[in-house]
Amino acid sequence: MLVIDSLVNAIREAKKYNSNTQIAPAAVLWTDKDRQWESVINKVQVLLPELIVLGAYAPDKMTGPVIWIKCVIARTLPEVQIPDDVIPVIYLPGVSRADLRAIESCPVWLQGLAELQYRGVFWSQSNGRDWSVNAFLTSKSGGLGVGAD
């Protein structure tokens, strides 16, 4: 299995929930303060078509600002089709989990996504930190465990 396949599988694992006790999350939030994953996002989108990227408006690349992302999640844009039974993944380059969690100090341009921390789930390490490339490659818990033992 390729590293990119393992990455996509790990992100999809974050979508799992118990339908007997929970409702489906509105989205998976993939925060990346240091933009470590940014260079592979286009390749990940090929394998994960429900991946939406925060950035300049480019709907053909599934990229847009906060208001566009909110509309995609609400499935109100006819030009963007994410099936109702598929949980979108939102990649947030330059944004940390802490940025979203501290609502009072969250940048105004990002505040529209802050509420998704309650309706969605974070793709993060078991300790709550954002996944860095190194952490994903080396962690035995949710990562690849390369070089461990």
N, C-alpha and C. Protein backbone atom coordinates (compact mmCIF):
# COMPACT_ATOMS: atom_id res chain seq x y z
N MET A 1 0.85 -1.18 0.00
CA MET A 1 0.00 0.00 0.00
C MET A 1 0.89 1.24 0.00
N LEU A 2 0.52 2.21 -0.82
CA LEU A 2 1.27 3.47 -0.88
C LEU A 2 0.96 4.34 0.32
N VAL A 3 1.87 5.25 0.62
CA VAL A 3 1.68 6.18 1.74
C VAL A 3 0.41 7.00 1.53
N ILE A 4 0.16 7.44 0.30
CA ILE A 4 -1.03 8.26 0.04
C ILE A 4 -2.31 7.47 0.28
N ASP A 5 -2.29 6.18 -0.03
CA ASP A 5 -3.46 5.34 0.25
C ASP A 5 -3.69 5.22 1.75
N SER A 6 -2.62 5.08 2.51
CA SER A 6 -2.72 5.01 3.97
C SER A 6 -3.24 6.32 4.54
N LEU A 7 -2.80 7.43 3.96
CA LEU A 7 -3.27 8.74 4.40
C LEU A 7 -4.78 8.87 4.18
N VAL A 8 -5.23 8.52 2.99
CA VAL A 8 -6.66 8.59 2.68
C VAL A 8 -7.47 7.67 3.60
N ASN A 9 -6.96 6.48 3.84
CA ASN A 9 -7.65 5.55 4.75
C ASN A 9 -7.73 6.12 6.16
N ALA A 10 -6.66 6.75 6.62
CA ALA A 10 -6.66 7.33 7.97
C ALA A 10 -7.67 8.47 8.07
N ILE A 11 -7.76 9.28 7.04
CA ILE A 11 -8.74 10.37 7.05
C ILE A 11 -10.15 9.80 7.04
N ARG A 12 -10.37 8.77 6.25
CA ARG A 12 -11.70 8.13 6.21
C ARG A 12 -12.05 7.50 7.55
N GLU A 13 -11.07 7.03 8.28
CA GLU A 13 -11.31 6.46 9.62
C GLU A 13 -11.91 7.52 10.55
N ALA A 14 -11.51 8.77 10.37
CA ALA A 14 -12.03 9.85 11.21
C ALA A 14 -13.52 10.05 11.01
N LYS A 15 -14.04 9.58 9.89
CA LYS A 15 -15.47 9.74 9.58
C LYS A 15 -16.35 8.74 10.32
N LYS A 16 -15.75 7.69 10.84
CA LYS A 16 -16.54 6.63 11.46
C LYS A 16 -17.20 7.11 12.75
N TYR A 17 -18.44 6.70 12.92
CA TYR A 17 -19.20 7.06 14.11
C TYR A 17 -20.21 5.94 14.38
N ASN A 18 -20.75 5.90 15.58
CA ASN A 18 -21.75 4.90 15.96
C ASN A 18 -23.13 5.46 15.63
N SER A 19 -23.75 4.95 14.60
CA SER A 19 -25.06 5.48 14.17
C SER A 19 -26.17 5.18 15.18
N ASN A 20 -25.92 4.31 16.15
CA ASN A 20 -26.91 4.04 17.19
C ASN A 20 -26.94 5.13 18.27
N THR A 21 -25.82 5.83 18.39
CA THR A 21 -25.74 6.83 19.46
C THR A 21 -25.37 8.23 18.98
N GLN A 22 -25.05 8.37 17.70
CA GLN A 22 -24.59 9.67 17.19
C GLN A 22 -25.20 9.94 15.82
N ILE A 23 -25.20 11.20 15.45
CA ILE A 23 -25.54 11.53 14.07
C ILE A 23 -24.22 11.68 13.31
N ALA A 24 -24.30 11.59 12.01
CA ALA A 24 -23.10 11.71 11.20
C ALA A 24 -22.48 13.09 11.37
N PRO A 25 -21.17 13.17 11.45
CA PRO A 25 -20.56 14.50 11.53
C PRO A 25 -20.81 15.27 10.24
N ALA A 26 -20.91 16.58 10.35
CA ALA A 26 -21.13 17.43 9.17
C ALA A 26 -19.90 17.44 8.28
N ALA A 27 -18.73 17.29 8.86
CA ALA A 27 -17.49 17.31 8.09
C ALA A 27 -16.34 16.82 8.96
N VAL A 28 -15.28 16.43 8.29
CA VAL A 28 -14.01 16.14 8.96
C VAL A 28 -13.13 17.36 8.74
N LEU A 29 -12.60 17.90 9.81
CA LEU A 29 -11.73 19.07 9.73
C LEU A 29 -10.27 18.63 9.78
N TRP A 30 -9.54 18.96 8.73
CA TRP A 30 -8.13 18.60 8.62
C TRP A 30 -7.32 19.89 8.73
N THR A 31 -6.87 20.19 9.92
CA THR A 31 -6.11 21.41 10.15
C THR A 31 -4.62 21.17 9.89
N ASP A 32 -3.95 22.19 9.38
CA ASP A 32 -2.54 22.07 9.01
C ASP A 32 -1.88 23.44 9.13
N LYS A 33 -1.62 23.86 10.35
CA LYS A 33 -1.06 25.19 10.62
C LYS A 33 0.20 25.47 9.81
N ASP A 34 1.08 24.49 9.70
CA ASP A 34 2.36 24.69 9.03
C ASP A 34 2.32 24.35 7.54
N ARG A 35 1.16 24.05 7.03
CA ARG A 35 0.96 23.74 5.60
C ARG A 35 1.86 22.60 5.11
N GLN A 36 2.10 21.63 5.99
CA GLN A 36 2.97 20.52 5.63
C GLN A 36 2.37 19.61 4.57
N TRP A 37 1.05 19.52 4.54
CA TRP A 37 0.37 18.61 3.61
C TRP A 37 -0.02 19.29 2.29
N GLU A 38 0.14 20.57 2.22
CA GLU A 38 -0.37 21.35 1.09
C GLU A 38 0.14 20.86 -0.28
N SER A 39 1.37 20.42 -0.35
CA SER A 39 1.94 20.02 -1.64
C SER A 39 1.35 18.71 -2.19
N VAL A 40 0.68 17.94 -1.36
CA VAL A 40 0.10 16.68 -1.84
C VAL A 40 -1.42 16.70 -1.95
N ILE A 41 -2.02 17.84 -1.65
CA ILE A 41 -3.48 17.90 -1.61
C ILE A 41 -4.12 17.54 -2.94
N ASN A 42 -3.56 18.01 -4.05
CA ASN A 42 -4.14 17.68 -5.36
C ASN A 42 -4.15 16.18 -5.60
N LYS A 43 -3.10 15.49 -5.17
CA LYS A 43 -3.04 14.03 -5.33
C LYS A 43 -4.03 13.34 -4.40
N VAL A 44 -4.19 13.88 -3.20
CA VAL A 44 -5.15 13.31 -2.25
C VAL A 44 -6.58 13.49 -2.78
N GLN A 45 -6.87 14.63 -3.41
CA GLN A 45 -8.21 14.88 -3.94
C GLN A 45 -8.61 13.86 -5.01
N VAL A 46 -7.65 13.32 -5.73
CA VAL A 46 -7.95 12.30 -6.73
C VAL A 46 -8.54 11.07 -6.05
N LEU A 47 -8.01 10.73 -4.89
CA LEU A 47 -8.46 9.54 -4.15
C LEU A 47 -9.58 9.85 -3.16
N LEU A 48 -9.75 11.12 -2.84
CA LEU A 48 -10.73 11.57 -1.85
C LEU A 48 -11.51 12.74 -2.46
N PRO A 49 -12.43 12.45 -3.39
CA PRO A 49 -13.11 13.53 -4.12
C PRO A 49 -13.97 14.43 -3.25
N GLU A 50 -14.29 14.01 -2.05
CA GLU A 50 -15.07 14.84 -1.14
C GLU A 50 -14.20 15.81 -0.35
N LEU A 51 -12.93 15.91 -0.71
CA LEU A 51 -11.99 16.82 -0.05
C LEU A 51 -12.18 18.24 -0.58
N ILE A 52 -12.48 19.15 0.32
CA ILE A 52 -12.68 20.57 0.03
C ILE A 52 -11.51 21.32 0.66
N VAL A 53 -11.01 22.31 -0.04
CA VAL A 53 -9.83 23.04 0.44
C VAL A 53 -10.19 24.50 0.68
N LEU A 54 -9.81 25.01 1.83
CA LEU A 54 -9.96 26.43 2.13
C LEU A 54 -8.92 27.20 1.33
N GLY A 55 -9.39 28.19 0.58
CA GLY A 55 -8.46 28.98 -0.21
C GLY A 55 -9.19 29.90 -1.16
N ALA A 56 -8.49 30.34 -2.18
CA ALA A 56 -9.07 31.22 -3.19
C ALA A 56 -10.14 30.45 -3.98
N TYR A 57 -11.17 31.16 -4.38
CA TYR A 57 -12.30 30.55 -5.07
C TYR A 57 -11.88 29.90 -6.38
N ALA A 58 -11.98 28.59 -6.43
CA ALA A 58 -11.70 27.78 -7.61
C ALA A 58 -12.54 26.51 -7.50
N PRO A 59 -13.85 26.63 -7.75
CA PRO A 59 -14.74 25.47 -7.53
C PRO A 59 -14.38 24.24 -8.36
N ASP A 60 -13.76 24.44 -9.52
CA ASP A 60 -13.33 23.30 -10.32
C ASP A 60 -12.22 22.50 -9.62
N LYS A 61 -11.55 23.13 -8.66
CA LYS A 61 -10.50 22.46 -7.87
C LYS A 61 -10.98 22.16 -6.45
N MET A 62 -12.30 22.33 -6.22
CA MET A 62 -12.90 22.11 -4.89
C MET A 62 -12.23 22.97 -3.83
N THR A 63 -11.93 24.21 -4.19
CA THR A 63 -11.28 25.16 -3.31
C THR A 63 -12.10 26.43 -3.24
N GLY A 64 -12.21 26.98 -2.03
CA GLY A 64 -12.93 28.23 -1.89
C GLY A 64 -12.86 28.79 -0.49
N PRO A 65 -13.43 29.99 -0.32
CA PRO A 65 -13.43 30.64 0.99
C PRO A 65 -14.47 30.01 1.92
N VAL A 66 -14.49 30.49 3.14
CA VAL A 66 -15.35 29.93 4.18
C VAL A 66 -16.82 29.85 3.75
N ILE A 67 -17.39 30.92 3.21
CA ILE A 67 -18.81 30.90 2.85
C ILE A 67 -19.09 29.87 1.78
N TRP A 68 -18.20 29.70 0.83
CA TRP A 68 -18.35 28.69 -0.21
C TRP A 68 -18.32 27.28 0.42
N ILE A 69 -17.39 27.06 1.34
CA ILE A 69 -17.29 25.76 2.02
C ILE A 69 -18.59 25.46 2.77
N LYS A 70 -19.11 26.46 3.46
CA LYS A 70 -20.38 26.25 4.19
C LYS A 70 -21.50 25.86 3.23
N CYS A 71 -21.55 26.48 2.07
CA CYS A 71 -22.57 26.14 1.07
C CYS A 71 -22.37 24.74 0.51
N VAL A 72 -21.13 24.33 0.32
CA VAL A 72 -20.85 22.97 -0.17
C VAL A 72 -21.32 21.96 0.87
N ILE A 73 -21.00 22.20 2.13
CA ILE A 73 -21.41 21.27 3.20
C ILE A 73 -22.94 21.20 3.29
N ALA A 74 -23.59 22.33 3.09
CA ALA A 74 -25.06 22.37 3.13
C ALA A 74 -25.68 21.81 1.85
N ARG A 75 -24.81 21.53 0.88
CA ARG A 75 -25.24 20.97 -0.41
C ARG A 75 -26.24 21.87 -1.14
N THR A 76 -25.92 23.16 -1.15
CA THR A 76 -26.79 24.14 -1.80
C THR A 76 -26.24 24.63 -3.14
N LEU A 77 -25.08 24.14 -3.53
CA LEU A 77 -24.48 24.56 -4.79
C LEU A 77 -24.65 23.47 -5.84
N PRO A 78 -25.42 23.72 -6.88
CA PRO A 78 -25.65 22.67 -7.89
C PRO A 78 -24.38 22.26 -8.63
N GLU A 79 -23.39 23.14 -8.71
CA GLU A 79 -22.16 22.79 -9.44
C GLU A 79 -21.20 21.91 -8.64
N VAL A 80 -21.46 21.73 -7.35
CA VAL A 80 -20.62 20.87 -6.52
C VAL A 80 -21.50 19.75 -5.96
N GLN A 81 -21.22 18.55 -6.37
CA GLN A 81 -22.04 17.42 -5.98
C GLN A 81 -21.29 16.49 -5.03
N ILE A 82 -21.63 16.56 -3.77
CA ILE A 82 -21.15 15.58 -2.79
C ILE A 82 -22.38 14.81 -2.36
N PRO A 83 -22.39 13.51 -2.58
CA PRO A 83 -23.58 12.73 -2.21
C PRO A 83 -23.96 12.92 -0.75
N ASP A 84 -25.25 12.85 -0.47
CA ASP A 84 -25.75 13.06 0.90
C ASP A 84 -25.16 12.10 1.91
N ASP A 85 -24.80 10.90 1.47
CA ASP A 85 -24.28 9.90 2.40
C ASP A 85 -22.75 9.97 2.55
N VAL A 86 -22.13 10.98 1.96
CA VAL A 86 -20.68 11.14 2.05
C VAL A 86 -20.35 12.34 2.94
N ILE A 87 -19.50 12.12 3.91
CA ILE A 87 -19.09 13.18 4.83
C ILE A 87 -17.92 13.94 4.20
N PRO A 88 -18.08 15.25 3.95
CA PRO A 88 -16.98 16.02 3.36
C PRO A 88 -15.79 16.14 4.30
N VAL A 89 -14.62 16.30 3.71
CA VAL A 89 -13.38 16.55 4.44
C VAL A 89 -12.93 17.96 4.06
N ILE A 90 -12.63 18.78 5.05
CA ILE A 90 -12.22 20.16 4.79
C ILE A 90 -10.76 20.30 5.20
N TYR A 91 -9.92 20.55 4.21
CA TYR A 91 -8.49 20.79 4.47
C TYR A 91 -8.31 22.28 4.72
N LEU A 92 -7.67 22.61 5.84
CA LEU A 92 -7.50 24.00 6.28
C LEU A 92 -6.03 24.36 6.38
N PRO A 93 -5.40 24.72 5.25
CA PRO A 93 -3.98 25.08 5.29
C PRO A 93 -3.77 26.39 6.04
N GLY A 94 -2.76 26.40 6.91
CA GLY A 94 -2.46 27.59 7.68
C GLY A 94 -3.33 27.79 8.90
N VAL A 95 -4.19 26.82 9.19
CA VAL A 95 -5.12 26.90 10.32
C VAL A 95 -4.84 25.74 11.27
N SER A 96 -4.77 26.04 12.55
CA SER A 96 -4.59 24.98 13.56
C SER A 96 -5.92 24.68 14.24
N ARG A 97 -5.95 23.56 14.89
CA ARG A 97 -7.12 23.21 15.69
C ARG A 97 -7.38 24.28 16.75
N ALA A 98 -6.30 24.77 17.34
CA ALA A 98 -6.42 25.81 18.37
C ALA A 98 -7.03 27.09 17.81
N ASP A 99 -6.75 27.42 16.54
CA ASP A 99 -7.35 28.60 15.92
C ASP A 99 -8.88 28.51 15.93
N LEU A 100 -9.40 27.34 15.62
CA LEU A 100 -10.85 27.15 15.59
C LEU A 100 -11.45 27.05 16.98
N ARG A 101 -10.71 26.48 17.90
CA ARG A 101 -11.24 26.25 19.25
C ARG A 101 -11.35 27.55 20.05
N ALA A 102 -10.46 28.48 19.82
CA ALA A 102 -10.49 29.75 20.56
C ALA A 102 -11.38 30.73 19.80
N ILE A 103 -12.68 30.55 19.91
CA ILE A 103 -13.63 31.32 19.11
C ILE A 103 -13.47 32.82 19.34
N GLU A 104 -13.22 33.24 20.57
CA GLU A 104 -13.11 34.68 20.85
C GLU A 104 -11.91 35.32 20.16
N SER A 105 -10.88 34.54 19.87
CA SER A 105 -9.71 35.10 19.18
C SER A 105 -9.56 34.55 17.76
N CYS A 106 -10.52 33.79 17.32
CA CYS A 106 -10.51 33.22 15.97
C CYS A 106 -10.59 34.37 14.95
N PRO A 107 -9.75 34.34 13.92
CA PRO A 107 -9.83 35.41 12.92
C PRO A 107 -11.23 35.51 12.32
N VAL A 108 -11.68 36.73 12.07
CA VAL A 108 -13.03 36.97 11.57
C VAL A 108 -13.30 36.16 10.30
N TRP A 109 -12.32 36.11 9.39
CA TRP A 109 -12.52 35.41 8.12
C TRP A 109 -12.71 33.90 8.31
N LEU A 110 -12.33 33.37 9.47
CA LEU A 110 -12.41 31.94 9.75
C LEU A 110 -13.59 31.57 10.65
N GLN A 111 -14.19 32.55 11.31
CA GLN A 111 -15.22 32.28 12.31
C GLN A 111 -16.38 31.45 11.78
N GLY A 112 -16.70 31.56 10.51
CA GLY A 112 -17.81 30.79 9.95
C GLY A 112 -17.60 29.29 10.00
N LEU A 113 -16.37 28.86 10.11
CA LEU A 113 -16.09 27.42 10.21
C LEU A 113 -15.93 26.95 11.65
N ALA A 114 -15.80 27.87 12.59
CA ALA A 114 -15.55 27.50 13.99
C ALA A 114 -16.65 26.60 14.54
N GLU A 115 -17.89 26.82 14.12
CA GLU A 115 -18.99 26.00 14.65
C GLU A 115 -18.89 24.54 14.21
N LEU A 116 -18.12 24.26 13.18
CA LEU A 116 -17.99 22.87 12.73
C LEU A 116 -17.22 22.00 13.71
N GLN A 117 -16.50 22.62 14.64
CA GLN A 117 -15.83 21.81 15.66
C GLN A 117 -16.85 21.08 16.53
N TYR A 118 -18.09 21.57 16.58
CA TYR A 118 -19.15 20.93 17.36
C TYR A 118 -19.99 19.97 16.52
N ARG A 119 -20.14 20.27 15.24
CA ARG A 119 -20.94 19.41 14.37
C ARG A 119 -20.10 18.44 13.56
N GLY A 120 -18.79 18.63 13.59
CA GLY A 120 -17.89 17.78 12.82
C GLY A 120 -16.90 17.09 13.73
N VAL A 121 -15.89 16.53 13.11
CA VAL A 121 -14.80 15.88 13.84
C VAL A 121 -13.47 16.36 13.26
N PHE A 122 -12.46 16.36 14.09
CA PHE A 122 -11.13 16.70 13.63
C PHE A 122 -10.40 15.43 13.22
N TRP A 123 -9.63 15.50 12.15
CA TRP A 123 -8.67 14.44 11.87
C TRP A 123 -7.41 14.89 12.58
N SER A 124 -7.15 14.28 13.73
CA SER A 124 -6.02 14.68 14.54
C SER A 124 -5.44 13.47 15.25
N GLN A 125 -4.29 13.67 15.83
CA GLN A 125 -3.64 12.61 16.60
C GLN A 125 -4.47 12.29 17.84
N SER A 126 -4.22 11.15 18.44
CA SER A 126 -4.96 10.75 19.63
C SER A 126 -4.73 11.73 20.79
N ASN A 127 -3.64 12.48 20.76
CA ASN A 127 -3.37 13.48 21.80
C ASN A 127 -4.03 14.82 21.48
N GLY A 128 -4.77 14.90 20.37
CA GLY A 128 -5.48 16.12 20.00
C GLY A 128 -4.67 17.09 19.15
N ARG A 129 -3.43 16.79 18.90
CA ARG A 129 -2.60 17.67 18.06
C ARG A 129 -2.89 17.42 16.58
N ASP A 130 -2.62 18.46 15.78
CA ASP A 130 -2.73 18.32 14.33
C ASP A 130 -1.71 17.27 13.86
N TRP A 131 -2.07 16.55 12.81
CA TRP A 131 -1.13 15.59 12.24
C TRP A 131 -0.07 16.34 11.45
N SER A 132 1.18 16.21 11.84
CA SER A 132 2.28 16.67 11.00
C SER A 132 2.65 15.48 10.12
N VAL A 133 3.40 15.73 9.07
CA VAL A 133 3.83 14.64 8.20
C VAL A 133 4.67 13.64 9.00
N ASN A 134 5.61 14.16 9.78
CA ASN A 134 6.46 13.28 10.58
C ASN A 134 5.65 12.46 11.58
N ALA A 135 4.72 13.09 12.25
CA ALA A 135 3.90 12.36 13.23
C ALA A 135 3.10 11.26 12.54
N PHE A 136 2.53 11.54 11.37
CA PHE A 136 1.75 10.53 10.66
C PHE A 136 2.63 9.36 10.25
N LEU A 137 3.82 9.66 9.76
CA LEU A 137 4.71 8.59 9.31
C LEU A 137 5.21 7.73 10.46
N THR A 138 5.44 8.32 11.63
CA THR A 138 6.08 7.58 12.72
C THR A 138 5.15 7.06 13.80
N SER A 139 3.97 7.63 13.93
CA SER A 139 3.08 7.23 15.02
C SER A 139 2.49 5.84 14.80
N LYS A 140 2.51 5.05 15.86
CA LYS A 140 1.87 3.73 15.82
C LYS A 140 0.36 3.86 16.03
N SER A 141 -0.06 4.97 16.62
CA SER A 141 -1.47 5.18 16.94
C SER A 141 -2.12 6.06 15.88
N GLY A 142 -2.66 5.44 14.84
CA GLY A 142 -3.35 6.16 13.79
C GLY A 142 -2.48 6.56 12.62
N GLY A 143 -1.17 6.38 12.76
CA GLY A 143 -0.24 6.69 11.69
C GLY A 143 0.34 5.41 11.10
N LEU A 144 1.44 5.55 10.39
CA LEU A 144 2.05 4.40 9.73
C LEU A 144 3.01 3.60 10.61
N GLY A 145 3.54 4.23 11.66
CA GLY A 145 4.46 3.53 12.56
C GLY A 145 5.80 3.21 11.93
N VAL A 146 6.22 3.98 10.92
CA VAL A 146 7.49 3.75 10.25
C VAL A 146 8.62 4.07 11.21
N GLY A 147 9.54 3.15 11.35
CA GLY A 147 10.70 3.37 12.20
C GLY A 147 10.44 3.12 13.67
N ALA A 148 9.19 2.81 14.03
CA ALA A 148 8.88 2.53 15.44
C ALA A 148 9.31 1.10 15.74
N ASP A 149 10.10 0.94 16.78
CA ASP A 149 10.65 -0.35 17.19
C ASP A 149 11.35 -0.99 16.02
